[in-house]
Amino acid sequence: FIWCGRRARSRLSPAHCGQSGGLASWSDA
């Protein structure tokens, strides 16, 4: 599962990769 996520990571926005903004803004809390 992680390997698949690694392959798809470059196609996702920074918010989906645990970086600042987007989803991370509420998931960190």
mmCIF file of all heavy atoms, coordinates in Angstrom:
data_MODEL
# 
_entry.id   MODEL 
# 
loop_
_atom_site.group_PDB 
_atom_site.id 
_atom_site.type_symbol 
_atom_site.label_atom_id 
_atom_site.label_alt_id 
_atom_site.label_comp_id 
_atom_site.label_asym_id 
_atom_site.label_entity_id 
_atom_site.label_seq_id 
_atom_site.pdbx_PDB_ins_code 
_atom_site.Cartn_x 
_atom_site.Cartn_y 
_atom_site.Cartn_z 
_atom_site.occupancy 
_atom_site.B_iso_or_equiv 
_atom_site.pdbx_formal_charge 
_atom_site.auth_seq_id 
_atom_site.auth_comp_id 
_atom_site.auth_asym_id 
_atom_site.auth_atom_id 
_atom_site.pdbx_PDB_model_num 
ATOM 1   N N   . PHE A 1 1  ? 0.833  -1.200 0.000   1.00 0.00 ? 1  PHE A N   1 
ATOM 2   C CA  . PHE A 1 1  ? 0.000  0.000  0.000   1.00 0.00 ? 1  PHE A CA  1 
ATOM 3   C C   . PHE A 1 1  ? 0.872  1.255  0.000   1.00 0.00 ? 1  PHE A C   1 
ATOM 4   O O   . PHE A 1 1  ? 0.633  2.213  -0.735  1.00 0.00 ? 1  PHE A O   1 
ATOM 5   C CB  . PHE A 1 1  ? -0.906 -0.018 1.228   1.00 0.00 ? 1  PHE A CB  1 
ATOM 6   C CG  . PHE A 1 1  ? -1.522 1.316  1.563   1.00 0.00 ? 1  PHE A CG  1 
ATOM 7   C CD1 . PHE A 1 1  ? -2.604 1.789  0.861   1.00 0.00 ? 1  PHE A CD1 1 
ATOM 8   C CD2 . PHE A 1 1  ? -0.999 2.097  2.588   1.00 0.00 ? 1  PHE A CD2 1 
ATOM 9   C CE1 . PHE A 1 1  ? -3.166 3.023  1.177   1.00 0.00 ? 1  PHE A CE1 1 
ATOM 10  C CE2 . PHE A 1 1  ? -1.549 3.320  2.902   1.00 0.00 ? 1  PHE A CE2 1 
ATOM 11  C CZ  . PHE A 1 1  ? -2.637 3.787  2.191   1.00 0.00 ? 1  PHE A CZ  1 
ATOM 12  N N   . ILE A 1 2  ? 1.929  1.234  0.822   1.00 0.00 ? 2  ILE A N   1 
ATOM 13  C CA  . ILE A 1 2  ? 2.819  2.384  0.904   1.00 0.00 ? 2  ILE A CA  1 
ATOM 14  C C   . ILE A 1 2  ? 3.585  2.558  -0.407  1.00 0.00 ? 2  ILE A C   1 
ATOM 15  O O   . ILE A 1 2  ? 3.819  3.670  -0.868  1.00 0.00 ? 2  ILE A O   1 
ATOM 16  C CB  . ILE A 1 2  ? 3.779  2.221  2.097   1.00 0.00 ? 2  ILE A CB  1 
ATOM 17  C CG1 . ILE A 1 2  ? 2.986  2.329  3.397   1.00 0.00 ? 2  ILE A CG1 1 
ATOM 18  C CG2 . ILE A 1 2  ? 4.881  3.272  2.069   1.00 0.00 ? 2  ILE A CG2 1 
ATOM 19  C CD1 . ILE A 1 2  ? 3.777  1.958  4.618   1.00 0.00 ? 2  ILE A CD1 1 
ATOM 20  N N   . TRP A 1 3  ? 3.982  1.434  -1.030  1.00 0.00 ? 3  TRP A N   1 
ATOM 21  C CA  . TRP A 1 3  ? 4.669  1.499  -2.318  1.00 0.00 ? 3  TRP A CA  1 
ATOM 22  C C   . TRP A 1 3  ? 3.776  2.157  -3.364  1.00 0.00 ? 3  TRP A C   1 
ATOM 23  O O   . TRP A 1 3  ? 4.216  3.014  -4.129  1.00 0.00 ? 3  TRP A O   1 
ATOM 24  C CB  . TRP A 1 3  ? 5.058  0.104  -2.758  1.00 0.00 ? 3  TRP A CB  1 
ATOM 25  C CG  . TRP A 1 3  ? 5.706  0.069  -4.115  1.00 0.00 ? 3  TRP A CG  1 
ATOM 26  C CD1 . TRP A 1 3  ? 6.986  0.383  -4.428  1.00 0.00 ? 3  TRP A CD1 1 
ATOM 27  C CD2 . TRP A 1 3  ? 5.075  -0.315 -5.345  1.00 0.00 ? 3  TRP A CD2 1 
ATOM 28  N NE1 . TRP A 1 3  ? 7.213  0.226  -5.773  1.00 0.00 ? 3  TRP A NE1 1 
ATOM 29  C CE2 . TRP A 1 3  ? 6.058  -0.206 -6.358  1.00 0.00 ? 3  TRP A CE2 1 
ATOM 30  C CE3 . TRP A 1 3  ? 3.801  -0.738 -5.683  1.00 0.00 ? 3  TRP A CE3 1 
ATOM 31  C CZ2 . TRP A 1 3  ? 5.771  -0.506 -7.682  1.00 0.00 ? 3  TRP A CZ2 1 
ATOM 32  C CZ3 . TRP A 1 3  ? 3.521  -1.032 -7.006  1.00 0.00 ? 3  TRP A CZ3 1 
ATOM 33  C CH2 . TRP A 1 3  ? 4.501  -0.912 -7.990  1.00 0.00 ? 3  TRP A CH2 1 
ATOM 34  N N   . CYS A 1 4  ? 2.504  1.787  -3.369  1.00 0.00 ? 4  CYS A N   1 
ATOM 35  C CA  . CYS A 1 4  ? 1.565  2.406  -4.315  1.00 0.00 ? 4  CYS A CA  1 
ATOM 36  C C   . CYS A 1 4  ? 1.432  3.894  -4.022  1.00 0.00 ? 4  CYS A C   1 
ATOM 37  O O   . CYS A 1 4  ? 1.387  4.720  -4.936  1.00 0.00 ? 4  CYS A O   1 
ATOM 38  C CB  . CYS A 1 4  ? 0.197  1.731  -4.219  1.00 0.00 ? 4  CYS A CB  1 
ATOM 39  S SG  . CYS A 1 4  ? 0.169  0.029  -4.817  1.00 0.00 ? 4  CYS A SG  1 
ATOM 40  N N   . GLY A 1 5  ? 1.370  4.226  -2.722  1.00 0.00 ? 5  GLY A N   1 
ATOM 41  C CA  . GLY A 1 5  ? 1.275  5.632  -2.356  1.00 0.00 ? 5  GLY A CA  1 
ATOM 42  C C   . GLY A 1 5  ? 2.509  6.404  -2.751  1.00 0.00 ? 5  GLY A C   1 
ATOM 43  O O   . GLY A 1 5  ? 2.433  7.559  -3.174  1.00 0.00 ? 5  GLY A O   1 
ATOM 44  N N   . ARG A 1 6  ? 3.678  5.764  -2.643  1.00 0.00 ? 6  ARG A N   1 
ATOM 45  C CA  . ARG A 1 6  ? 4.925  6.410  -3.036  1.00 0.00 ? 6  ARG A CA  1 
ATOM 46  C C   . ARG A 1 6  ? 4.923  6.696  -4.528  1.00 0.00 ? 6  ARG A C   1 
ATOM 47  O O   . ARG A 1 6  ? 5.352  7.755  -4.968  1.00 0.00 ? 6  ARG A O   1 
ATOM 48  C CB  . ARG A 1 6  ? 6.097  5.499  -2.671  1.00 0.00 ? 6  ARG A CB  1 
ATOM 49  C CG  . ARG A 1 6  ? 7.451  6.101  -3.010  1.00 0.00 ? 6  ARG A CG  1 
ATOM 50  C CD  . ARG A 1 6  ? 8.567  5.117  -2.737  1.00 0.00 ? 6  ARG A CD  1 
ATOM 51  N NE  . ARG A 1 6  ? 8.452  3.933  -3.577  1.00 0.00 ? 6  ARG A NE  1 
ATOM 52  C CZ  . ARG A 1 6  ? 9.433  3.050  -3.720  1.00 0.00 ? 6  ARG A CZ  1 
ATOM 53  N NH1 . ARG A 1 6  ? 10.567 3.216  -3.083  1.00 0.00 ? 6  ARG A NH1 1 
ATOM 54  N NH2 . ARG A 1 6  ? 9.277  1.996  -4.496  1.00 0.00 ? 6  ARG A NH2 1 
ATOM 55  N N   . ARG A 1 7  ? 4.416  5.745  -5.318  1.00 0.00 ? 7  ARG A N   1 
ATOM 56  C CA  . ARG A 1 7  ? 4.387  5.934  -6.773  1.00 0.00 ? 7  ARG A CA  1 
ATOM 57  C C   . ARG A 1 7  ? 3.443  7.076  -7.149  1.00 0.00 ? 7  ARG A C   1 
ATOM 58  O O   . ARG A 1 7  ? 3.666  7.789  -8.125  1.00 0.00 ? 7  ARG A O   1 
ATOM 59  C CB  . ARG A 1 7  ? 3.929  4.635  -7.447  1.00 0.00 ? 7  ARG A CB  1 
ATOM 60  C CG  . ARG A 1 7  ? 4.911  3.494  -7.306  1.00 0.00 ? 7  ARG A CG  1 
ATOM 61  C CD  . ARG A 1 7  ? 6.160  3.743  -8.144  1.00 0.00 ? 7  ARG A CD  1 
ATOM 62  N NE  . ARG A 1 7  ? 5.849  3.787  -9.560  1.00 0.00 ? 7  ARG A NE  1 
ATOM 63  C CZ  . ARG A 1 7  ? 5.859  2.718  -10.353 1.00 0.00 ? 7  ARG A CZ  1 
ATOM 64  N NH1 . ARG A 1 7  ? 6.187  1.533  -9.863  1.00 0.00 ? 7  ARG A NH1 1 
ATOM 65  N NH2 . ARG A 1 7  ? 5.571  2.825  -11.633 1.00 0.00 ? 7  ARG A NH2 1 
ATOM 66  N N   . ALA A 1 8  ? 2.362  7.209  -6.359  1.00 0.00 ? 8  ALA A N   1 
ATOM 67  C CA  . ALA A 1 8  ? 1.366  8.234  -6.694  1.00 0.00 ? 8  ALA A CA  1 
ATOM 68  C C   . ALA A 1 8  ? 1.645  9.576  -6.035  1.00 0.00 ? 8  ALA A C   1 
ATOM 69  O O   . ALA A 1 8  ? 0.992  10.567 -6.345  1.00 0.00 ? 8  ALA A O   1 
ATOM 70  C CB  . ALA A 1 8  ? -0.030 7.749  -6.262  1.00 0.00 ? 8  ALA A CB  1 
ATOM 71  N N   . ARG A 1 9  ? 2.637  9.610  -5.158  1.00 0.00 ? 9  ARG A N   1 
ATOM 72  C CA  . ARG A 1 9  ? 2.862  10.815 -4.375  1.00 0.00 ? 9  ARG A CA  1 
ATOM 73  C C   . ARG A 1 9  ? 3.158  12.032 -5.240  1.00 0.00 ? 9  ARG A C   1 
ATOM 74  O O   . ARG A 1 9  ? 2.707  13.140 -4.955  1.00 0.00 ? 9  ARG A O   1 
ATOM 75  C CB  . ARG A 1 9  ? 4.024  10.571 -3.410  1.00 0.00 ? 9  ARG A CB  1 
ATOM 76  C CG  . ARG A 1 9  ? 4.278  11.725 -2.458  1.00 0.00 ? 9  ARG A CG  1 
ATOM 77  C CD  . ARG A 1 9  ? 5.436  11.399 -1.538  1.00 0.00 ? 9  ARG A CD  1 
ATOM 78  N NE  . ARG A 1 9  ? 5.698  12.493 -0.632  1.00 0.00 ? 9  ARG A NE  1 
ATOM 79  C CZ  . ARG A 1 9  ? 6.731  12.521 0.191   1.00 0.00 ? 9  ARG A CZ  1 
ATOM 80  N NH1 . ARG A 1 9  ? 7.585  11.524 0.204   1.00 0.00 ? 9  ARG A NH1 1 
ATOM 81  N NH2 . ARG A 1 9  ? 6.908  13.543 0.992   1.00 0.00 ? 9  ARG A NH2 1 
ATOM 82  N N   . SER A 1 10 ? 3.915  11.842 -6.321  1.00 0.00 ? 10 SER A N   1 
ATOM 83  C CA  . SER A 1 10 ? 4.294  12.976 -7.166  1.00 0.00 ? 10 SER A CA  1 
ATOM 84  C C   . SER A 1 10 ? 3.091  13.576 -7.875  1.00 0.00 ? 10 SER A C   1 
ATOM 85  O O   . SER A 1 10 ? 3.157  14.708 -8.354  1.00 0.00 ? 10 SER A O   1 
ATOM 86  C CB  . SER A 1 10 ? 5.330  12.528 -8.198  1.00 0.00 ? 10 SER A CB  1 
ATOM 87  O OG  . SER A 1 10 ? 4.790  11.493 -9.016  1.00 0.00 ? 10 SER A OG  1 
ATOM 88  N N   . ARG A 1 11 ? 1.989  12.831 -7.945  1.00 0.00 ? 11 ARG A N   1 
ATOM 89  C CA  . ARG A 1 11 ? 0.800  13.321 -8.640  1.00 0.00 ? 11 ARG A CA  1 
ATOM 90  C C   . ARG A 1 11 ? -0.168 14.023 -7.695  1.00 0.00 ? 11 ARG A C   1 
ATOM 91  O O   . ARG A 1 11 ? -1.176 14.553 -8.130  1.00 0.00 ? 11 ARG A O   1 
ATOM 92  C CB  . ARG A 1 11 ? 0.077  12.159 -9.321  1.00 0.00 ? 11 ARG A CB  1 
ATOM 93  C CG  . ARG A 1 11 ? 0.967  11.400 -10.291 1.00 0.00 ? 11 ARG A CG  1 
ATOM 94  C CD  . ARG A 1 11 ? 0.238  10.213 -10.879 1.00 0.00 ? 11 ARG A CD  1 
ATOM 95  N NE  . ARG A 1 11 ? 1.128  9.409  -11.720 1.00 0.00 ? 11 ARG A NE  1 
ATOM 96  C CZ  . ARG A 1 11 ? 0.768  8.282  -12.302 1.00 0.00 ? 11 ARG A CZ  1 
ATOM 97  N NH1 . ARG A 1 11 ? -0.458 7.800  -12.137 1.00 0.00 ? 11 ARG A NH1 1 
ATOM 98  N NH2 . ARG A 1 11 ? 1.629  7.612  -13.053 1.00 0.00 ? 11 ARG A NH2 1 
ATOM 99  N N   . LEU A 1 12 ? 0.141  14.005 -6.387  1.00 0.00 ? 12 LEU A N   1 
ATOM 100 C CA  . LEU A 1 12 ? -0.748 14.618 -5.417  1.00 0.00 ? 12 LEU A CA  1 
ATOM 101 C C   . LEU A 1 12 ? -0.265 16.004 -5.062  1.00 0.00 ? 12 LEU A C   1 
ATOM 102 O O   . LEU A 1 12 ? 0.902  16.327 -5.172  1.00 0.00 ? 12 LEU A O   1 
ATOM 103 C CB  . LEU A 1 12 ? -0.816 13.758 -4.138  1.00 0.00 ? 12 LEU A CB  1 
ATOM 104 C CG  . LEU A 1 12 ? -1.381 12.349 -4.303  1.00 0.00 ? 12 LEU A CG  1 
ATOM 105 C CD1 . LEU A 1 12 ? -1.258 11.608 -2.977  1.00 0.00 ? 12 LEU A CD1 1 
ATOM 106 C CD2 . LEU A 1 12 ? -2.823 12.382 -4.763  1.00 0.00 ? 12 LEU A CD2 1 
ATOM 107 N N   . SER A 1 13 ? -1.191 16.811 -4.574  1.00 0.00 ? 13 SER A N   1 
ATOM 108 C CA  . SER A 1 13 ? -0.815 18.142 -4.110  1.00 0.00 ? 13 SER A CA  1 
ATOM 109 C C   . SER A 1 13 ? -0.101 18.029 -2.776  1.00 0.00 ? 13 SER A C   1 
ATOM 110 O O   . SER A 1 13 ? -0.198 17.012 -2.091  1.00 0.00 ? 13 SER A O   1 
ATOM 111 C CB  . SER A 1 13 ? -2.084 18.991 -3.947  1.00 0.00 ? 13 SER A CB  1 
ATOM 112 O OG  . SER A 1 13 ? -2.879 18.462 -2.901  1.00 0.00 ? 13 SER A OG  1 
ATOM 113 N N   . PRO A 1 14 ? 0.645  19.074 -2.365  1.00 0.00 ? 14 PRO A N   1 
ATOM 114 C CA  . PRO A 1 14 ? 1.363  19.022 -1.084  1.00 0.00 ? 14 PRO A CA  1 
ATOM 115 C C   . PRO A 1 14 ? 0.448  18.735 0.095   1.00 0.00 ? 14 PRO A C   1 
ATOM 116 O O   . PRO A 1 14 ? 0.871  18.153 1.082   1.00 0.00 ? 14 PRO A O   1 
ATOM 117 C CB  . PRO A 1 14 ? 1.978  20.424 -0.977  1.00 0.00 ? 14 PRO A CB  1 
ATOM 118 C CG  . PRO A 1 14 ? 2.132  20.877 -2.388  1.00 0.00 ? 14 PRO A CG  1 
ATOM 119 C CD  . PRO A 1 14 ? 0.948  20.305 -3.115  1.00 0.00 ? 14 PRO A CD  1 
ATOM 120 N N   . ALA A 1 15 ? -0.825 19.130 -0.002  1.00 0.00 ? 15 ALA A N   1 
ATOM 121 C CA  . ALA A 1 15 ? -1.755 18.931 1.108   1.00 0.00 ? 15 ALA A CA  1 
ATOM 122 C C   . ALA A 1 15 ? -1.989 17.460 1.405   1.00 0.00 ? 15 ALA A C   1 
ATOM 123 O O   . ALA A 1 15 ? -2.269 17.085 2.533   1.00 0.00 ? 15 ALA A O   1 
ATOM 124 C CB  . ALA A 1 15 ? -3.089 19.609 0.797   1.00 0.00 ? 15 ALA A CB  1 
ATOM 125 N N   . HIS A 1 16 ? -1.873 16.601 0.393   1.00 0.00 ? 16 HIS A N   1 
ATOM 126 C CA  . HIS A 1 16 ? -2.115 15.176 0.566   1.00 0.00 ? 16 HIS A CA  1 
ATOM 127 C C   . HIS A 1 16 ? -0.877 14.443 1.074   1.00 0.00 ? 16 HIS A C   1 
ATOM 128 O O   . HIS A 1 16 ? -0.958 13.261 1.381   1.00 0.00 ? 16 HIS A O   1 
ATOM 129 C CB  . HIS A 1 16 ? -2.555 14.552 -0.760  1.00 0.00 ? 16 HIS A CB  1 
ATOM 130 C CG  . HIS A 1 16 ? -3.908 15.010 -1.208  1.00 0.00 ? 16 HIS A CG  1 
ATOM 131 N ND1 . HIS A 1 16 ? -4.079 16.169 -1.916  1.00 0.00 ? 16 HIS A ND1 1 
ATOM 132 C CD2 . HIS A 1 16 ? -5.138 14.471 -1.033  1.00 0.00 ? 16 HIS A CD2 1 
ATOM 133 C CE1 . HIS A 1 16 ? -5.363 16.322 -2.191  1.00 0.00 ? 16 HIS A CE1 1 
ATOM 134 N NE2 . HIS A 1 16 ? -6.030 15.324 -1.664  1.00 0.00 ? 16 HIS A NE2 1 
ATOM 135 N N   . CYS A 1 17 ? 0.249  15.124 1.130   1.00 0.00 ? 17 CYS A N   1 
ATOM 136 C CA  . CYS A 1 17 ? 1.509  14.467 1.469   1.00 0.00 ? 17 CYS A CA  1 
ATOM 137 C C   . CYS A 1 17 ? 2.002  14.824 2.858   1.00 0.00 ? 17 CYS A C   1 
ATOM 138 O O   . CYS A 1 17 ? 3.165  14.653 3.170   1.00 0.00 ? 17 CYS A O   1 
ATOM 139 C CB  . CYS A 1 17 ? 2.578  14.815 0.440   1.00 0.00 ? 17 CYS A CB  1 
ATOM 140 S SG  . CYS A 1 17 ? 2.156  14.275 -1.224  1.00 0.00 ? 17 CYS A SG  1 
ATOM 141 N N   . GLY A 1 18 ? 1.117  15.370 3.702   1.00 0.00 ? 18 GLY A N   1 
ATOM 142 C CA  . GLY A 1 18 ? 1.508  15.708 5.059   1.00 0.00 ? 18 GLY A CA  1 
ATOM 143 C C   . GLY A 1 18 ? 2.240  17.022 5.162   1.00 0.00 ? 18 GLY A C   1 
ATOM 144 O O   . GLY A 1 18 ? 2.854  17.321 6.179   1.00 0.00 ? 18 GLY A O   1 
ATOM 145 N N   . GLN A 1 19 ? 2.200  17.852 4.108   1.00 0.00 ? 19 GLN A N   1 
ATOM 146 C CA  . GLN A 1 19 ? 2.852  19.134 4.152   1.00 0.00 ? 19 GLN A CA  1 
ATOM 147 C C   . GLN A 1 19 ? 1.855  20.191 4.604   1.00 0.00 ? 19 GLN A C   1 
ATOM 148 O O   . GLN A 1 19 ? 0.686  19.907 4.828   1.00 0.00 ? 19 GLN A O   1 
ATOM 149 C CB  . GLN A 1 19 ? 3.446  19.478 2.780   1.00 0.00 ? 19 GLN A CB  1 
ATOM 150 C CG  . GLN A 1 19 ? 4.472  18.432 2.330   1.00 0.00 ? 19 GLN A CG  1 
ATOM 151 C CD  . GLN A 1 19 ? 5.012  18.733 0.956   1.00 0.00 ? 19 GLN A CD  1 
ATOM 152 O OE1 . GLN A 1 19 ? 4.965  19.862 0.503   1.00 0.00 ? 19 GLN A OE1 1 
ATOM 153 N NE2 . GLN A 1 19 ? 5.524  17.713 0.302   1.00 0.00 ? 19 GLN A NE2 1 
ATOM 154 N N   . SER A 1 20 ? 2.301  21.411 4.752   1.00 0.00 ? 20 SER A N   1 
ATOM 155 C CA  . SER A 1 20 ? 1.459  22.447 5.335   1.00 0.00 ? 20 SER A CA  1 
ATOM 156 C C   . SER A 1 20 ? 0.284  22.784 4.424   1.00 0.00 ? 20 SER A C   1 
ATOM 157 O O   . SER A 1 20 ? 0.367  22.694 3.207   1.00 0.00 ? 20 SER A O   1 
ATOM 158 C CB  . SER A 1 20 ? 2.296  23.712 5.566   1.00 0.00 ? 20 SER A CB  1 
ATOM 159 O OG  . SER A 1 20 ? 2.819  24.174 4.327   1.00 0.00 ? 20 SER A OG  1 
ATOM 160 N N   . GLY A 1 21 ? -0.821 23.183 5.086   1.00 0.00 ? 21 GLY A N   1 
ATOM 161 C CA  . GLY A 1 21 ? -2.006 23.581 4.348   1.00 0.00 ? 21 GLY A CA  1 
ATOM 162 C C   . GLY A 1 21 ? -2.906 22.418 4.017   1.00 0.00 ? 21 GLY A C   1 
ATOM 163 O O   . GLY A 1 21 ? -2.585 21.261 4.242   1.00 0.00 ? 21 GLY A O   1 
ATOM 164 N N   . GLY A 1 22 ? -4.080 22.712 3.427   1.00 0.00 ? 22 GLY A N   1 
ATOM 165 C CA  . GLY A 1 22 ? -5.007 21.690 2.956   1.00 0.00 ? 22 GLY A CA  1 
ATOM 166 C C   . GLY A 1 22 ? -5.441 20.746 4.047   1.00 0.00 ? 22 GLY A C   1 
ATOM 167 O O   . GLY A 1 22 ? -5.809 21.146 5.149   1.00 0.00 ? 22 GLY A O   1 
ATOM 168 N N   . LEU A 1 23 ? -5.373 19.435 3.740   1.00 0.00 ? 23 LEU A N   1 
ATOM 169 C CA  . LEU A 1 23 ? -5.831 18.416 4.678   1.00 0.00 ? 23 LEU A CA  1 
ATOM 170 C C   . LEU A 1 23 ? -5.048 18.447 5.978   1.00 0.00 ? 23 LEU A C   1 
ATOM 171 O O   . LEU A 1 23 ? -5.591 18.194 7.049   1.00 0.00 ? 23 LEU A O   1 
ATOM 172 C CB  . LEU A 1 23 ? -5.711 17.033 4.035   1.00 0.00 ? 23 LEU A CB  1 
ATOM 173 C CG  . LEU A 1 23 ? -6.644 16.744 2.865   1.00 0.00 ? 23 LEU A CG  1 
ATOM 174 C CD1 . LEU A 1 23 ? -6.318 15.369 2.293   1.00 0.00 ? 23 LEU A CD1 1 
ATOM 175 C CD2 . LEU A 1 23 ? -8.094 16.810 3.283   1.00 0.00 ? 23 LEU A CD2 1 
ATOM 176 N N   . ALA A 1 24 ? -3.740 18.748 5.883   1.00 0.00 ? 24 ALA A N   1 
ATOM 177 C CA  . ALA A 1 24 ? -2.913 18.722 7.082   1.00 0.00 ? 24 ALA A CA  1 
ATOM 178 C C   . ALA A 1 24 ? -3.362 19.741 8.101   1.00 0.00 ? 24 ALA A C   1 
ATOM 179 O O   . ALA A 1 24 ? -3.129 19.580 9.293   1.00 0.00 ? 24 ALA A O   1 
ATOM 180 C CB  . ALA A 1 24 ? -1.451 18.962 6.703   1.00 0.00 ? 24 ALA A CB  1 
ATOM 181 N N   . SER A 1 25 ? -4.027 20.819 7.663   1.00 0.00 ? 25 SER A N   1 
ATOM 182 C CA  . SER A 1 25 ? -4.422 21.869 8.588   1.00 0.00 ? 25 SER A CA  1 
ATOM 183 C C   . SER A 1 25 ? -5.406 21.379 9.625   1.00 0.00 ? 25 SER A C   1 
ATOM 184 O O   . SER A 1 25 ? -5.408 21.852 10.757  1.00 0.00 ? 25 SER A O   1 
ATOM 185 C CB  . SER A 1 25 ? -5.021 23.050 7.812   1.00 0.00 ? 25 SER A CB  1 
ATOM 186 O OG  . SER A 1 25 ? -6.190 22.626 7.115   1.00 0.00 ? 25 SER A OG  1 
ATOM 187 N N   . TRP A 1 26 ? -6.279 20.417 9.261   1.00 0.00 ? 26 TRP A N   1 
ATOM 188 C CA  . TRP A 1 26 ? -7.209 19.880 10.272  1.00 0.00 ? 26 TRP A CA  1 
ATOM 189 C C   . TRP A 1 26 ? -6.775 18.516 10.785  1.00 0.00 ? 26 TRP A C   1 
ATOM 190 O O   . TRP A 1 26 ? -7.079 18.155 11.913  1.00 0.00 ? 26 TRP A O   1 
ATOM 191 C CB  . TRP A 1 26 ? -8.622 19.791 9.712   1.00 0.00 ? 26 TRP A CB  1 
ATOM 192 C CG  . TRP A 1 26 ? -8.781 18.881 8.526   1.00 0.00 ? 26 TRP A CG  1 
ATOM 193 C CD1 . TRP A 1 26 ? -8.782 19.238 7.209   1.00 0.00 ? 26 TRP A CD1 1 
ATOM 194 C CD2 . TRP A 1 26 ? -8.970 17.463 8.541   1.00 0.00 ? 26 TRP A CD2 1 
ATOM 195 N NE1 . TRP A 1 26 ? -8.941 18.148 6.404   1.00 0.00 ? 26 TRP A NE1 1 
ATOM 196 C CE2 . TRP A 1 26 ? -9.074 17.037 7.194   1.00 0.00 ? 26 TRP A CE2 1 
ATOM 197 C CE3 . TRP A 1 26 ? -9.065 16.517 9.552   1.00 0.00 ? 26 TRP A CE3 1 
ATOM 198 C CZ2 . TRP A 1 26 ? -9.243 15.705 6.844   1.00 0.00 ? 26 TRP A CZ2 1 
ATOM 199 C CZ3 . TRP A 1 26 ? -9.243 15.188 9.208   1.00 0.00 ? 26 TRP A CZ3 1 
ATOM 200 C CH2 . TRP A 1 26 ? -9.336 14.798 7.861   1.00 0.00 ? 26 TRP A CH2 1 
ATOM 201 N N   . SER A 1 27 ? -6.025 17.727 9.981   1.00 0.00 ? 27 SER A N   1 
ATOM 202 C CA  . SER A 1 27 ? -5.610 16.411 10.453  1.00 0.00 ? 27 SER A CA  1 
ATOM 203 C C   . SER A 1 27 ? -4.561 16.510 11.543  1.00 0.00 ? 27 SER A C   1 
ATOM 204 O O   . SER A 1 27 ? -4.512 15.676 12.446  1.00 0.00 ? 27 SER A O   1 
ATOM 205 C CB  . SER A 1 27 ? -5.083 15.561 9.290   1.00 0.00 ? 27 SER A CB  1 
ATOM 206 O OG  . SER A 1 27 ? -3.952 16.168 8.710   1.00 0.00 ? 27 SER A OG  1 
ATOM 207 N N   . ASP A 1 28 ? -3.679 17.539 11.496  1.00 0.00 ? 28 ASP A N   1 
ATOM 208 C CA  . ASP A 1 28 ? -2.696 17.727 12.555  1.00 0.00 ? 28 ASP A CA  1 
ATOM 209 C C   . ASP A 1 28 ? -3.384 17.961 13.890  1.00 0.00 ? 28 ASP A C   1 
ATOM 210 O O   . ASP A 1 28 ? -2.963 17.454 14.923  1.00 0.00 ? 28 ASP A O   1 
ATOM 211 C CB  . ASP A 1 28 ? -1.783 18.908 12.234  1.00 0.00 ? 28 ASP A CB  1 
ATOM 212 C CG  . ASP A 1 28 ? -0.712 18.544 11.219  1.00 0.00 ? 28 ASP A CG  1 
ATOM 213 O OD1 . ASP A 1 28 ? -0.586 17.345 10.913  1.00 0.00 ? 28 ASP A OD1 1 
ATOM 214 O OD2 . ASP A 1 28 ? -0.015 19.447 10.741  1.00 0.00 ? 28 ASP A OD2 1 
ATOM 215 N N   . ALA A 1 29 ? -4.453 18.759 13.858  1.00 0.00 ? 29 ALA A N   1 
ATOM 216 C CA  . ALA A 1 29 ? -5.177 19.033 15.099  1.00 0.00 ? 29 ALA A CA  1 
ATOM 217 C C   . ALA A 1 29 ? -5.815 17.768 15.659  1.00 0.00 ? 29 ALA A C   1 
ATOM 218 O O   . ALA A 1 29 ? -5.963 17.631 16.876  1.00 0.00 ? 29 ALA A O   1 
ATOM 219 C CB  . ALA A 1 29 ? -6.260 20.085 14.836  1.00 0.00 ? 29 ALA A CB  1 
# 
